[in-house]
PDB file of N, CA and C in Angstrom:
ATOM      1  N   MET A   1     -25.893  -8.947  -1.181  1.00  0.00           N
ATOM      2  CA  MET A   1     -25.396  -7.580  -1.182  1.00  0.00           C
ATOM      3  C   MET A   1     -24.008  -7.320  -0.972  1.00  0.00           C
ATOM      4  N   THR A   2     -23.338  -6.548  -1.725  1.00  0.00           N
ATOM      5  CA  THR A   2     -21.864  -6.531  -1.528  1.00  0.00           C
ATOM      6  C   THR A   2     -21.397  -5.591  -0.343  1.00  0.00           C
ATOM      7  N   ARG A   3     -20.808  -5.999   0.368  1.00  0.00           N
ATOM      8  CA  ARG A   3     -20.164  -5.276   1.357  1.00  0.00           C
ATOM      9  C   ARG A   3     -19.181  -4.246   1.072  1.00  0.00           C
ATOM     10  N   VAL A   4     -19.411  -2.981   1.093  1.00  0.00           N
ATOM     11  CA  VAL A   4     -18.447  -2.104   0.665  1.00  0.00           C
ATOM     12  C   VAL A   4     -17.287  -1.704   1.983  1.00  0.00           C
ATOM     13  N   PRO A   5     -16.070  -1.916   1.608  1.00  0.00           N
ATOM     14  CA  PRO A   5     -15.138  -1.450   2.645  1.00  0.00           C
ATOM     15  C   PRO A   5     -15.125  -0.030   2.996  1.00  0.00           C
ATOM     16  N   THR A   6     -14.667   0.222   4.137  1.00  0.00           N
ATOM     17  CA  THR A   6     -14.594   1.576   4.774  1.00  0.00           C
ATOM     18  C   THR A   6     -13.336   1.800   5.317  1.00  0.00           C
ATOM     19  N   VAL A   7     -12.705   2.986   5.223  1.00  0.00           N
ATOM     20  CA  VAL A   7     -11.567   3.411   5.636  1.00  0.00           C
ATOM     21  C   VAL A   7     -11.706   4.440   6.860  1.00  0.00           C
ATOM     22  N   SER A   8     -10.688   4.508   7.651  1.00  0.00           N
ATOM     23  CA  SER A   8     -10.905   5.568   8.696  1.00  0.00           C
ATOM     24  C   SER A   8     -10.769   6.812   8.178  1.00  0.00           C
ATOM     25  N   GLU A   9     -11.394   7.979   8.643  1.00  0.00           N
ATOM     26  CA  GLU A   9     -11.164   9.324   8.115  1.00  0.00           C
ATOM     27  C   GLU A   9      -9.681   9.697   8.585  1.00  0.00           C
ATOM     28  N   GLU A  10      -9.179   9.316   9.524  1.00  0.00           N
ATOM     29  CA  GLU A  10      -7.546   9.727  10.002  1.00  0.00           C
ATOM     30  C   GLU A  10      -6.693   9.106   8.821  1.00  0.00           C
ATOM     31  N   THR A  11      -6.890   7.943   8.268  1.00  0.00           N
ATOM     32  CA  THR A  11      -6.000   7.459   7.341  1.00  0.00           C
ATOM     33  C   THR A  11      -6.225   8.008   5.995  1.00  0.00           C
ATOM     34  N   LEU A  12      -7.526   8.173   5.744  1.00  0.00           N
ATOM     35  CA  LEU A  12      -7.687   8.885   4.620  1.00  0.00           C
ATOM     36  C   LEU A  12      -7.070  10.320   4.404  1.00  0.00           C
ATOM     37  N   LEU A  13      -7.270  11.054   5.523  1.00  0.00           N
ATOM     38  CA  LEU A  13      -6.398  12.482   5.534  1.00  0.00           C
ATOM     39  C   LEU A  13      -5.033  12.262   5.421  1.00  0.00           C
ATOM     40  N   LYS A  14      -4.438  11.344   6.148  1.00  0.00           N
ATOM     41  CA  LYS A  14      -3.090  11.255   5.656  1.00  0.00           C
ATOM     42  C   LYS A  14      -2.850  11.094   4.228  1.00  0.00           C
ATOM     43  N   VAL A  15      -3.399  10.176   3.684  1.00  0.00           N
ATOM     44  CA  VAL A  15      -3.240  10.128   2.313  1.00  0.00           C
ATOM     45  C   VAL A  15      -3.559  11.024   1.310  1.00  0.00           C
ATOM     46  N   LEU A  16      -4.615  11.750   1.545  1.00  0.00           N
ATOM     47  CA  LEU A  16      -4.899  13.030   0.894  1.00  0.00           C
ATOM     48  C   LEU A  16      -3.968  14.150   0.959  1.00  0.00           C
ATOM     49  N   LYS A  17      -3.399  14.213   2.350  1.00  0.00           N
ATOM     50  CA  LYS A  17      -2.306  15.261   2.605  1.00  0.00           C
ATOM     51  C   LYS A  17      -0.992  14.902   1.579  1.00  0.00           C
ATOM     52  N   ARG A  18      -0.704  13.551   1.492  1.00  0.00           N
ATOM     53  CA  ARG A  18       0.523  13.047   0.888  1.00  0.00           C
ATOM     54  C   ARG A  18       0.302  13.317  -0.589  1.00  0.00           C
ATOM     55  N   LEU A  19      -0.910  13.192  -1.059  1.00  0.00           N
ATOM     56  CA  LEU A  19      -1.000  13.236  -2.536  1.00  0.00           C
ATOM     57  C   LEU A  19      -1.138  14.867  -2.842  1.00  0.00           C
ATOM     58  N   ARG A  20      -1.544  15.793  -1.804  1.00  0.00           N
ATOM     59  CA  ARG A  20      -1.459  17.166  -1.915  1.00  0.00           C
ATOM     60  C   ARG A  20      -0.020  17.653  -2.202  1.00  0.00           C
ATOM     61  N   ASP A  21       0.746  17.258  -1.224  1.00  0.00           N
ATOM     62  CA  ASP A  21       2.188  17.221  -1.091  1.00  0.00           C
ATOM     63  C   ASP A  21       2.806  17.051  -2.664  1.00  0.00           C
ATOM     64  N   ILE A  22       2.435  15.924  -3.109  1.00  0.00           N
ATOM     65  CA  ILE A  22       3.080  15.538  -4.351  1.00  0.00           C
ATOM     66  C   ILE A  22       2.548  16.230  -5.514  1.00  0.00           C
ATOM     67  N   ARG A  23       1.328  16.881  -5.452  1.00  0.00           N
ATOM     68  CA  ARG A  23       0.800  17.881  -6.490  1.00  0.00           C
ATOM     69  C   ARG A  23       1.383  19.030  -6.185  1.00  0.00           C
ATOM     70  N   ALA A  24       1.757  19.502  -5.058  1.00  0.00           N
ATOM     71  CA  ALA A  24       2.493  20.711  -4.923  1.00  0.00           C
ATOM     72  C   ALA A  24       4.045  20.672  -5.539  1.00  0.00           C
ATOM     73  N   TRP A  25       4.598  19.409  -5.400  1.00  0.00           N
ATOM     74  CA  TRP A  25       5.826  19.295  -5.711  1.00  0.00           C
ATOM     75  C   TRP A  25       5.905  19.240  -7.250  1.00  0.00           C
ATOM     76  N   ALA A  26       4.828  18.778  -7.944  1.00  0.00           N
ATOM     77  CA  ALA A  26       4.605  18.584  -9.530  1.00  0.00           C
ATOM     78  C   ALA A  26       4.583  20.165  -9.933  1.00  0.00           C
ATOM     79  N   VAL A  27       3.809  20.981  -9.413  1.00  0.00           N
ATOM     80  CA  VAL A  27       3.601  22.285  -9.636  1.00  0.00           C
ATOM     81  C   VAL A  27       4.904  23.121  -9.617  1.00  0.00           C
ATOM     82  N   LYS A  28       5.553  22.966  -8.454  1.00  0.00           N
ATOM     83  CA  LYS A  28       6.824  23.715  -8.484  1.00  0.00           C
ATOM     84  C   LYS A  28       7.893  23.495  -9.392  1.00  0.00           C
ATOM     85  N   ARG A  29       7.648  22.192  -9.999  1.00  0.00           N
ATOM     86  CA  ARG A  29       8.658  21.637 -10.893  1.00  0.00           C
ATOM     87  C   ARG A  29       8.316  21.793 -12.373  1.00  0.00           C
ATOM     88  N   GLY A  30       7.051  22.353 -12.487  1.00  0.00           N
ATOM     89  CA  GLY A  30       6.216  22.695 -13.907  1.00  0.00           C
ATOM     90  C   GLY A  30       5.975  21.461 -14.399  1.00  0.00           C
ATOM     91  N   VAL A  31       5.653  20.439 -13.820  1.00  0.00           N
ATOM     92  CA  VAL A  31       4.969  19.251 -14.511  1.00  0.00           C
ATOM     93  C   VAL A  31       3.660  19.641 -15.063  1.00  0.00           C
ATOM     94  N   ASP A  32       3.631  19.109 -16.038  1.00  0.00           N
ATOM     95  CA  ASP A  32       2.217  19.171 -17.050  1.00  0.00           C
ATOM     96  C   ASP A  32       1.258  18.647 -16.147  1.00  0.00           C
ATOM     97  N   PRO A  33       0.041  19.445 -15.769  1.00  0.00           N
ATOM     98  CA  PRO A  33      -1.117  18.933 -14.939  1.00  0.00           C
ATOM     99  C   PRO A  33      -1.717  17.919 -15.500  1.00  0.00           C
ATOM    100  N   TRP A  34      -1.712  17.701 -17.065  1.00  0.00           N
ATOM    101  CA  TRP A  34      -2.337  16.654 -17.493  1.00  0.00           C
ATOM    102  C   TRP A  34      -1.496  15.261 -17.555  1.00  0.00           C
ATOM    103  N   ALA A  35      -0.185  15.367 -17.286  1.00  0.00           N
ATOM    104  CA  ALA A  35       0.667  14.267 -16.950  1.00  0.00           C
ATOM    105  C   ALA A  35       0.330  13.886 -15.618  1.00  0.00           C
ATOM    106  N   PHE A  36       0.232  14.777 -14.632  1.00  0.00           N
ATOM    107  CA  PHE A  36      -0.131  14.207 -13.446  1.00  0.00           C
ATOM    108  C   PHE A  36      -1.567  13.798 -13.072  1.00  0.00           C
ATOM    109  N   ARG A  37      -2.555  14.268 -13.953  1.00  0.00           N
ATOM    110  CA  ARG A  37      -3.689  13.519 -13.793  1.00  0.00           C
ATOM    111  C   ARG A  37      -3.904  12.240 -14.502  1.00  0.00           C
ATOM    112  N   GLN A  38      -2.961  12.207 -15.540  1.00  0.00           N
ATOM    113  CA  GLN A  38      -2.915  10.953 -16.341  1.00  0.00           C
ATOM    114  C   GLN A  38      -2.101   9.747 -15.393  1.00  0.00           C
ATOM    115  N   ALA A  39      -1.399  10.079 -14.452  1.00  0.00           N
ATOM    116  CA  ALA A  39      -0.592   9.161 -13.710  1.00  0.00           C
ATOM    117  C   ALA A  39      -1.507   8.829 -12.542  1.00  0.00           C
ATOM    118  N   LEU A  40      -2.301   9.712 -12.059  1.00  0.00           N
ATOM    119  CA  LEU A  40      -3.208   9.288 -11.104  1.00  0.00           C
ATOM    120  C   LEU A  40      -4.338   8.297 -11.534  1.00  0.00           C
ATOM    121  N   VAL A  41      -4.723   8.521 -12.808  1.00  0.00           N
ATOM    122  CA  VAL A  41      -5.616   7.530 -13.163  1.00  0.00           C
ATOM    123  C   VAL A  41      -4.928   6.205 -13.549  1.00  0.00           C
ATOM    124  N   MET A  42      -3.791   6.099 -14.078  1.00  0.00           N
ATOM    125  CA  MET A  42      -3.000   5.107 -14.369  1.00  0.00           C
ATOM    126  C   MET A  42      -2.698   4.213 -13.011  1.00  0.00           C
ATOM    127  N   ILE A  43      -2.404   4.946 -11.953  1.00  0.00           N
ATOM    128  CA  ILE A  43      -2.011   4.135 -10.842  1.00  0.00           C
ATOM    129  C   ILE A  43      -3.347   3.564 -10.264  1.00  0.00           C
ATOM    130  N   LEU A  44      -4.595   4.277 -10.347  1.00  0.00           N
ATOM    131  CA  LEU A  44      -5.778   3.653  -9.945  1.00  0.00           C
ATOM    132  C   LEU A  44      -6.083   2.462 -10.709  1.00  0.00           C
ATOM    133  N   GLU A  45      -5.896   2.453 -11.966  1.00  0.00           N
ATOM    134  CA  GLU A  45      -6.176   1.299 -12.925  1.00  0.00           C
ATOM    135  C   GLU A  45      -5.261   0.108 -12.479  1.00  0.00           C
ATOM    136  N   LEU A  46      -3.950   0.251 -12.425  1.00  0.00           N
ATOM    137  CA  LEU A  46      -2.866  -0.775 -11.828  1.00  0.00           C
ATOM    138  C   LEU A  46      -3.407  -1.269 -10.639  1.00  0.00           C
ATOM    139  N   ASP A  47      -3.840  -0.395  -9.613  1.00  0.00           N
ATOM    140  CA  ASP A  47      -4.340  -0.758  -8.289  1.00  0.00           C
ATOM    141  C   ASP A  47      -5.590  -1.749  -8.678  1.00  0.00           C
ATOM    142  N   THR A  48      -6.248  -1.400  -9.417  1.00  0.00           N
ATOM    143  CA  THR A  48      -7.359  -2.353  -9.549  1.00  0.00           C
ATOM    144  C   THR A  48      -6.850  -3.725  -9.988  1.00  0.00           C
ATOM    145  N   VAL A  49      -6.204  -3.841 -10.896  1.00  0.00           N
ATOM    146  CA  VAL A  49      -5.468  -5.045 -11.385  1.00  0.00           C
ATOM    147  C   VAL A  49      -4.796  -5.964 -10.312  1.00  0.00           C
ATOM    148  N   ALA A  50      -4.051  -5.126  -9.392  1.00  0.00           N
ATOM    149  CA  ALA A  50      -3.389  -5.782  -8.175  1.00  0.00           C
ATOM    150  C   ALA A  50      -4.465  -6.116  -7.189  1.00  0.00           C
ATOM    151  N   ALA A  51      -5.495  -5.448  -7.036  1.00  0.00           N
ATOM    152  CA  ALA A  51      -6.570  -5.819  -6.091  1.00  0.00           C
ATOM    153  C   ALA A  51      -7.381  -7.152  -6.635  1.00  0.00           C
ATOM    154  N   LEU A  52      -7.440  -7.130  -7.898  1.00  0.00           N
ATOM    155  CA  LEU A  52      -8.177  -8.333  -8.545  1.00  0.00           C
ATOM    156  C   LEU A  52      -7.249  -9.712  -8.512  1.00  0.00           C
ATOM    157  N   GLU A  53      -5.944  -9.559  -8.672  1.00  0.00           N
ATOM    158  CA  GLU A  53      -5.090 -10.579  -8.493  1.00  0.00           C
ATOM    159  C   GLU A  53      -4.838 -10.970  -7.040  1.00  0.00           C
ATOM    160  N   ARG A  54      -4.991 -10.148  -6.016  1.00  0.00           N
ATOM    161  CA  ARG A  54      -5.150 -10.432  -4.714  1.00  0.00           C
ATOM    162  C   ARG A  54      -6.528 -11.313  -4.200  1.00  0.00           C
ATOM    163  N   GLY A  55      -7.433 -11.207  -5.126  1.00  0.00           N
ATOM    164  CA  GLY A  55      -8.575 -11.861  -4.802  1.00  0.00           C
ATOM    165  C   GLY A  55      -9.612 -11.008  -4.640  1.00  0.00           C
ATOM    166  N   THR A  56      -9.583  -9.814  -4.370  1.00  0.00           N
ATOM    167  CA  THR A  56     -10.686  -8.908  -4.257  1.00  0.00           C
ATOM    168  C   THR A  56     -11.780  -8.933  -5.290  1.00  0.00           C
ATOM    169  N   PRO A  57     -12.909  -9.303  -4.993  1.00  0.00           N
ATOM    170  CA  PRO A  57     -14.140  -9.400  -5.943  1.00  0.00           C
ATOM    171  C   PRO A  57     -14.400  -8.162  -6.633  1.00  0.00           C
ATOM    172  N   TRP A  58     -14.568  -8.255  -7.920  1.00  0.00           N
ATOM    173  CA  TRP A  58     -15.075  -7.113  -9.010  1.00  0.00           C
ATOM    174  C   TRP A  58     -16.188  -6.274  -8.334  1.00  0.00           C
ATOM    175  N   LYS A  59     -17.030  -7.037  -7.913  1.00  0.00           N
ATOM    176  CA  LYS A  59     -18.274  -6.088  -7.327  1.00  0.00           C
ATOM    177  C   LYS A  59     -17.975  -5.461  -6.147  1.00  0.00           C
ATOM    178  N   THR A  60     -17.076  -5.912  -5.322  1.00  0.00           N
ATOM    179  CA  THR A  60     -16.613  -5.167  -4.222  1.00  0.00           C
ATOM    180  C   THR A  60     -15.971  -3.766  -4.653  1.00  0.00           C
ATOM    181  N   LEU A  61     -14.861  -3.954  -5.602  1.00  0.00           N
ATOM    182  CA  LEU A  61     -14.364  -2.805  -6.142  1.00  0.00           C
ATOM    183  C   LEU A  61     -15.150  -1.799  -6.636  1.00  0.00           C
ATOM    184  N   THR A  62     -16.172  -2.240  -7.674  1.00  0.00           N
ATOM    185  CA  THR A  62     -16.985  -1.419  -8.054  1.00  0.00           C
ATOM    186  C   THR A  62     -17.929  -0.694  -7.162  1.00  0.00           C
ATOM    187  N   ALA A  63     -18.304  -1.569  -6.129  1.00  0.00           N
ATOM    188  CA  ALA A  63     -19.173  -0.706  -5.228  1.00  0.00           C
ATOM    189  C   ALA A  63     -18.499   0.394  -4.486  1.00  0.00           C
ATOM    190  N   PHE A  64     -17.224  -0.048  -4.146  1.00  0.00           N
ATOM    191  CA  PHE A  64     -16.464   0.929  -3.254  1.00  0.00           C
ATOM    192  C   PHE A  64     -15.961   2.215  -4.034  1.00  0.00           C
ATOM    193  N   ASP A  65     -15.612   1.877  -5.296  1.00  0.00           N
ATOM    194  CA  ASP A  65     -15.597   3.282  -6.194  1.00  0.00           C
ATOM    195  C   ASP A  65     -16.820   4.036  -6.370  1.00  0.00           C
ATOM    196  N   ALA A  66     -17.816   3.351  -6.481  1.00  0.00           N
ATOM    197  CA  ALA A  66     -19.188   4.081  -6.619  1.00  0.00           C
ATOM    198  C   ALA A  66     -19.300   4.979  -5.329  1.00  0.00           C
ATOM    199  N   GLN A  67     -19.106   4.320  -4.181  1.00  0.00           N
ATOM    200  CA  GLN A  67     -19.393   5.248  -2.984  1.00  0.00           C
ATOM    201  C   GLN A  67     -18.451   6.145  -2.819  1.00  0.00           C
ATOM    202  N   VAL A  68     -17.104   5.961  -3.305  1.00  0.00           N
ATOM    203  CA  VAL A  68     -16.188   7.225  -3.077  1.00  0.00           C
ATOM    204  C   VAL A  68     -16.491   8.327  -4.161  1.00  0.00           C
ATOM    205  N   ARG A  69     -17.004   7.935  -5.307  1.00  0.00           N
ATOM    206  CA  ARG A  69     -17.397   9.029  -6.196  1.00  0.00           C
ATOM    207  C   ARG A  69     -18.541   9.793  -5.552  1.00  0.00           C
ATOM    208  N   ALA A  70     -19.667   9.047  -5.330  1.00  0.00           N
ATOM    209  CA  ALA A  70     -20.556   9.518  -4.698  1.00  0.00           C
ATOM    210  C   ALA A  70     -20.339  10.832  -3.485  1.00  0.00           C
ATOM    211  N   ASP A  71     -19.201  10.236  -2.682  1.00  0.00           N
ATOM    212  CA  ASP A  71     -18.831  10.826  -1.460  1.00  0.00           C
ATOM    213  C   ASP A  71     -18.136  12.177  -1.842  1.00  0.00           C
ATOM    214  N   ALA A  72     -17.432  12.073  -2.933  1.00  0.00           N
ATOM    215  CA  ALA A  72     -16.633  13.140  -3.525  1.00  0.00           C
ATOM    216  C   ALA A  72     -17.369  14.209  -4.157  1.00  0.00           C
ATOM    217  N   ARG A  73     -18.538  13.758  -4.654  1.00  0.00           N
ATOM    218  CA  ARG A  73     -19.396  14.730  -5.546  1.00  0.00           C
ATOM    219  C   ARG A  73     -20.141  15.378  -4.321  1.00  0.00           C
ATOM    220  N   THR A  74     -20.359  14.795  -3.232  1.00  0.00           N
ATOM    221  CA  THR A  74     -21.275  15.570  -2.232  1.00  0.00           C
ATOM    222  C   THR A  74     -20.336  16.418  -1.596  1.00  0.00           C
ATOM    223  N   TRP A  75     -18.965  16.190  -1.254  1.00  0.00           N
ATOM    224  CA  TRP A  75     -17.925  17.035  -0.727  1.00  0.00           C
ATOM    225  C   TRP A  75     -17.651  18.360  -1.783  1.00  0.00           C
ATOM    226  N   ALA A  76     -17.825  17.986  -2.930  1.00  0.00           N
ATOM    227  CA  ALA A  76     -17.463  18.975  -3.893  1.00  0.00           C
ATOM    228  C   ALA A  76     -18.554  20.121  -4.001  1.00  0.00           C
ATOM    229  N   GLN A  77     -19.688  19.552  -3.973  1.00  0.00           N
ATOM    230  CA  GLN A  77     -20.937  20.376  -3.990  1.00  0.00           C
ATOM    231  C   GLN A  77     -21.114  21.286  -2.637  1.00  0.00           C
ATOM    232  N   ARG A  78     -20.675  20.819  -1.578  1.00  0.00           N
ATOM    233  CA  ARG A  78     -20.654  21.511  -0.222  1.00  0.00           C
ATOM    234  C   ARG A  78     -19.752  22.700  -0.597  1.00  0.00           C
ATOM    235  N   ARG A  79     -18.488  22.488  -1.221  1.00  0.00           N
ATOM    236  CA  ARG A  79     -17.628  23.488  -1.350  1.00  0.00           C
ATOM    237  C   ARG A  79     -17.987  24.722  -2.205  1.00  0.00           C
ATOM    238  N   GLY A  80     -18.690  24.187  -3.167  1.00  0.00           N
ATOM    239  CA  GLY A  80     -18.758  25.110  -4.266  1.00  0.00           C
ATOM    240  C   GLY A  80     -20.028  25.762  -4.558  1.00  0.00           C
TER     241      GLY A  80
END
């Protein structure tokens, strides 16, 4: 069984707040929202390559990403 890494809620909230601030910066400067989304996807893909190069197993990355997506869907359903 693949051990799925966890992060502290406090650390996650710090990162989410920073990304929210960057998104607000982009809106204020008229950055195309599709370009912003593209950059987020690209950085995630580049981070995956870096993690693999550092020796993180592919199974661990995919298990982590699946859990994060499930958590995000749950959160979104509660909001809407």
